[in-house]
Amino acid sequence: MPTRIISSCRAAAACRRGVTSIEYAVLASMVAAVIGVAVAAMGHTTATNFQTAIAALSGGAAPAGQGGTPAAPGGGDSEPASDN
């Protein structure tokens, strides 16, 4: 019985399939970590861009320097005042 266990252990140690699958698992976890860091880094910027677009489409305040209605000349009403 002990020789059978030892021979099974030697056969398992000689097999490279387990080592290759572990290498692939480590590689996949590294790729997942890089994706997670990239999403976390760009998440705030993306959220801000979506909020700006939603505000512009819903008639909210336009971001500085983009869109909006220009002020009338003279800074007042666009119609002249009447003398009534």
N, C-alpha and C. Protein backbone atom coordinates (compact mmCIF):
# COMPACT_ATOMS: atom_id res chain seq x y z
N MET A 1 0.81 -1.20 0.00
CA MET A 1 0.00 0.00 0.00
C MET A 1 0.85 1.27 0.00
N PRO A 2 1.85 1.42 0.86
CA PRO A 2 2.66 2.64 0.85
C PRO A 2 3.37 2.85 -0.48
N THR A 3 3.80 1.79 -1.14
CA THR A 3 4.47 1.97 -2.43
C THR A 3 3.50 2.49 -3.48
N ARG A 4 2.26 2.12 -3.36
CA ARG A 4 1.24 2.61 -4.31
C ARG A 4 1.02 4.11 -4.12
N ILE A 5 0.98 4.57 -2.89
CA ILE A 5 0.81 6.00 -2.61
C ILE A 5 2.02 6.79 -3.10
N ILE A 6 3.20 6.24 -2.86
CA ILE A 6 4.42 6.93 -3.30
C ILE A 6 4.46 7.01 -4.82
N SER A 7 4.09 5.95 -5.50
CA SER A 7 4.11 5.98 -6.97
C SER A 7 3.06 6.95 -7.51
N SER A 8 1.92 7.07 -6.83
CA SER A 8 0.90 8.04 -7.25
C SER A 8 1.40 9.46 -7.05
N CYS A 9 2.11 9.71 -5.96
CA CYS A 9 2.66 11.05 -5.71
C CYS A 9 3.72 11.41 -6.74
N ARG A 10 4.55 10.44 -7.11
CA ARG A 10 5.58 10.70 -8.12
C ARG A 10 4.94 10.99 -9.48
N ALA A 11 3.89 10.28 -9.80
CA ALA A 11 3.20 10.51 -11.08
C ALA A 11 2.55 11.89 -11.10
N ALA A 12 1.97 12.30 -9.96
CA ALA A 12 1.35 13.62 -9.90
C ALA A 12 2.39 14.73 -9.99
N ALA A 13 3.56 14.51 -9.39
CA ALA A 13 4.63 15.51 -9.43
C ALA A 13 5.21 15.64 -10.84
N ALA A 14 5.20 14.57 -11.60
CA ALA A 14 5.73 14.61 -12.95
C ALA A 14 4.76 15.24 -13.94
N CYS A 15 3.49 15.29 -13.60
CA CYS A 15 2.47 15.84 -14.49
C CYS A 15 2.55 17.36 -14.48
N ARG A 16 2.60 17.99 -15.65
CA ARG A 16 2.71 19.45 -15.76
C ARG A 16 1.36 20.13 -15.98
N ARG A 17 0.29 19.36 -16.13
CA ARG A 17 -1.02 19.95 -16.41
C ARG A 17 -1.49 20.82 -15.26
N GLY A 18 -1.26 20.40 -14.04
CA GLY A 18 -1.67 21.18 -12.88
C GLY A 18 -0.93 22.49 -12.78
N VAL A 19 0.36 22.45 -13.08
CA VAL A 19 1.18 23.66 -13.02
C VAL A 19 0.73 24.65 -14.09
N THR A 20 0.43 24.18 -15.27
CA THR A 20 -0.02 25.05 -16.36
C THR A 20 -1.35 25.71 -16.01
N SER A 21 -2.27 24.96 -15.42
CA SER A 21 -3.56 25.56 -15.07
C SER A 21 -3.40 26.60 -13.97
N ILE A 22 -2.48 26.38 -13.06
CA ILE A 22 -2.23 27.39 -12.03
C ILE A 22 -1.64 28.65 -12.65
N GLU A 23 -0.74 28.48 -13.61
CA GLU A 23 -0.15 29.65 -14.28
C GLU A 23 -1.24 30.45 -15.01
N TYR A 24 -2.16 29.77 -15.66
CA TYR A 24 -3.26 30.46 -16.34
C TYR A 24 -4.16 31.17 -15.33
N ALA A 25 -4.39 30.57 -14.20
CA ALA A 25 -5.22 31.20 -13.17
C ALA A 25 -4.56 32.46 -12.63
N VAL A 26 -3.25 32.41 -12.41
CA VAL A 26 -2.53 33.60 -11.94
C VAL A 26 -2.57 34.69 -13.00
N LEU A 27 -2.39 34.33 -14.26
CA LEU A 27 -2.43 35.30 -15.35
C LEU A 27 -3.81 35.95 -15.45
N ALA A 28 -4.86 35.14 -15.34
CA ALA A 28 -6.22 35.67 -15.41
C ALA A 28 -6.51 36.61 -14.24
N SER A 29 -6.01 36.28 -13.06
CA SER A 29 -6.23 37.17 -11.91
C SER A 29 -5.47 38.48 -12.08
N MET A 30 -4.31 38.45 -12.70
CA MET A 30 -3.56 39.70 -12.96
C MET A 30 -4.32 40.58 -13.96
N VAL A 31 -4.87 39.97 -15.00
CA VAL A 31 -5.65 40.73 -15.98
C VAL A 31 -6.87 41.35 -15.31
N ALA A 32 -7.54 40.58 -14.45
CA ALA A 32 -8.71 41.10 -13.74
C ALA A 32 -8.32 42.26 -12.83
N ALA A 33 -7.17 42.18 -12.19
CA ALA A 33 -6.72 43.27 -11.31
C ALA A 33 -6.44 44.54 -12.12
N VAL A 34 -5.82 44.40 -13.28
CA VAL A 34 -5.54 45.56 -14.13
C VAL A 34 -6.84 46.20 -14.60
N ILE A 35 -7.81 45.39 -14.99
CA ILE A 35 -9.11 45.91 -15.42
C ILE A 35 -9.79 46.64 -14.27
N GLY A 36 -9.71 46.07 -13.08
CA GLY A 36 -10.32 46.70 -11.92
C GLY A 36 -9.70 48.04 -11.60
N VAL A 37 -8.39 48.15 -11.68
CA VAL A 37 -7.71 49.42 -11.43
C VAL A 37 -8.08 50.45 -12.49
N ALA A 38 -8.14 50.03 -13.75
CA ALA A 38 -8.49 50.96 -14.83
C ALA A 38 -9.92 51.47 -14.67
N VAL A 39 -10.85 50.61 -14.32
CA VAL A 39 -12.24 51.02 -14.14
C VAL A 39 -12.35 51.98 -12.95
N ALA A 40 -11.64 51.69 -11.88
CA ALA A 40 -11.69 52.56 -10.71
C ALA A 40 -11.09 53.92 -11.01
N ALA A 41 -10.03 53.95 -11.80
CA ALA A 41 -9.37 55.22 -12.12
C ALA A 41 -10.23 56.08 -13.06
N MET A 42 -10.93 55.45 -13.98
CA MET A 42 -11.71 56.20 -14.95
C MET A 42 -13.17 56.37 -14.53
N GLY A 43 -13.57 55.73 -13.46
CA GLY A 43 -14.97 55.76 -13.05
C GLY A 43 -15.48 57.15 -12.72
N HIS A 44 -14.69 57.91 -11.98
CA HIS A 44 -15.13 59.26 -11.58
C HIS A 44 -15.28 60.16 -12.80
N THR A 45 -14.32 60.12 -13.70
CA THR A 45 -14.37 60.95 -14.91
C THR A 45 -15.58 60.57 -15.76
N THR A 46 -15.82 59.29 -15.91
CA THR A 46 -16.96 58.83 -16.71
C THR A 46 -18.27 59.26 -16.07
N ALA A 47 -18.38 59.15 -14.76
CA ALA A 47 -19.60 59.56 -14.07
C ALA A 47 -19.84 61.06 -14.25
N THR A 48 -18.80 61.86 -14.17
CA THR A 48 -18.93 63.30 -14.36
C THR A 48 -19.39 63.62 -15.78
N ASN A 49 -18.84 62.92 -16.76
CA ASN A 49 -19.24 63.15 -18.16
C ASN A 49 -20.71 62.80 -18.37
N PHE A 50 -21.17 61.70 -17.79
CA PHE A 50 -22.57 61.33 -17.93
C PHE A 50 -23.48 62.33 -17.24
N GLN A 51 -23.09 62.82 -16.07
CA GLN A 51 -23.91 63.81 -15.36
C GLN A 51 -24.01 65.10 -16.15
N THR A 52 -22.91 65.51 -16.78
CA THR A 52 -22.93 66.72 -17.61
C THR A 52 -23.86 66.54 -18.80
N ALA A 53 -23.80 65.38 -19.44
CA ALA A 53 -24.67 65.12 -20.60
C ALA A 53 -26.13 65.07 -20.18
N ILE A 54 -26.43 64.46 -19.05
CA ILE A 54 -27.81 64.39 -18.57
C ILE A 54 -28.33 65.77 -18.25
N ALA A 55 -27.51 66.59 -17.61
CA ALA A 55 -27.94 67.96 -17.27
C ALA A 55 -28.20 68.76 -18.54
N ALA A 56 -27.37 68.60 -19.55
CA ALA A 56 -27.56 69.34 -20.79
C ALA A 56 -28.82 68.89 -21.52
N LEU A 57 -29.11 67.59 -21.50
CA LEU A 57 -30.28 67.09 -22.20
C LEU A 57 -31.58 67.39 -21.46
N SER A 58 -31.53 67.48 -20.15
CA SER A 58 -32.75 67.72 -19.38
C SER A 58 -33.02 69.20 -19.16
N GLY A 59 -32.24 70.06 -19.76
CA GLY A 59 -32.46 71.49 -19.65
C GLY A 59 -31.82 72.09 -18.41
N GLY A 60 -30.96 71.36 -17.78
CA GLY A 60 -30.26 71.87 -16.61
C GLY A 60 -29.21 72.89 -17.03
N ALA A 61 -28.47 73.35 -16.06
CA ALA A 61 -27.43 74.34 -16.34
C ALA A 61 -26.37 73.72 -17.23
N ALA A 62 -26.02 74.46 -18.28
CA ALA A 62 -24.99 73.98 -19.18
C ALA A 62 -23.63 74.20 -18.54
N PRO A 63 -22.67 73.32 -18.78
CA PRO A 63 -21.33 73.52 -18.25
C PRO A 63 -20.72 74.80 -18.79
N ALA A 64 -19.80 75.37 -18.06
CA ALA A 64 -19.17 76.62 -18.46
C ALA A 64 -18.52 76.49 -19.82
N GLY A 65 -18.81 77.44 -20.69
CA GLY A 65 -18.20 77.47 -22.01
C GLY A 65 -18.85 76.56 -23.02
N GLN A 66 -19.95 75.91 -22.67
CA GLN A 66 -20.59 75.00 -23.62
C GLN A 66 -22.08 75.29 -23.67
N GLY A 67 -22.59 75.53 -24.81
CA GLY A 67 -24.03 75.68 -25.00
C GLY A 67 -24.60 76.88 -24.25
N GLY A 68 -25.88 76.82 -23.96
CA GLY A 68 -26.52 77.90 -23.25
C GLY A 68 -26.96 79.00 -24.19
N THR A 69 -27.76 79.92 -23.69
CA THR A 69 -28.23 81.05 -24.48
C THR A 69 -27.36 82.26 -24.17
N PRO A 70 -26.82 82.94 -25.18
CA PRO A 70 -25.99 84.11 -24.89
C PRO A 70 -26.84 85.26 -24.35
N ALA A 71 -26.24 86.08 -23.56
CA ALA A 71 -26.93 87.22 -22.97
C ALA A 71 -27.24 88.25 -24.06
N ALA A 72 -28.35 88.97 -23.88
CA ALA A 72 -28.73 90.01 -24.84
C ALA A 72 -27.75 91.17 -24.76
N PRO A 73 -27.57 91.90 -25.86
CA PRO A 73 -26.67 93.06 -25.83
C PRO A 73 -27.15 94.07 -24.79
N GLY A 74 -26.25 94.63 -24.09
CA GLY A 74 -26.60 95.60 -23.07
C GLY A 74 -26.87 94.95 -21.73
N GLY A 75 -26.93 93.65 -21.69
CA GLY A 75 -27.09 92.92 -20.46
C GLY A 75 -28.50 92.93 -19.91
N GLY A 76 -29.45 93.52 -20.60
CA GLY A 76 -30.82 93.61 -20.08
C GLY A 76 -31.77 92.82 -20.95
N ASP A 77 -33.02 93.30 -20.96
CA ASP A 77 -34.04 92.65 -21.79
C ASP A 77 -33.71 92.86 -23.26
N SER A 78 -34.23 91.97 -24.08
CA SER A 78 -33.96 92.09 -25.50
C SER A 78 -34.92 93.07 -26.17
N GLU A 79 -36.01 93.48 -25.48
CA GLU A 79 -36.95 94.45 -26.05
C GLU A 79 -36.65 95.84 -25.46
N PRO A 80 -36.76 96.87 -26.29
CA PRO A 80 -36.52 98.22 -25.76
C PRO A 80 -37.62 98.62 -24.79
N ALA A 81 -37.27 99.44 -23.85
CA ALA A 81 -38.25 99.91 -22.86
C ALA A 81 -39.21 100.91 -23.53
N SER A 82 -40.48 100.85 -23.15
CA SER A 82 -41.46 101.78 -23.71
C SER A 82 -41.61 102.98 -22.79
N ASP A 83 -42.06 104.12 -23.36
CA ASP A 83 -42.22 105.35 -22.59
C ASP A 83 -43.66 105.53 -22.14
N ASN A 84 -44.36 104.56 -21.77
CA ASN A 84 -45.77 104.69 -21.37
C ASN A 84 -45.87 105.17 -19.98
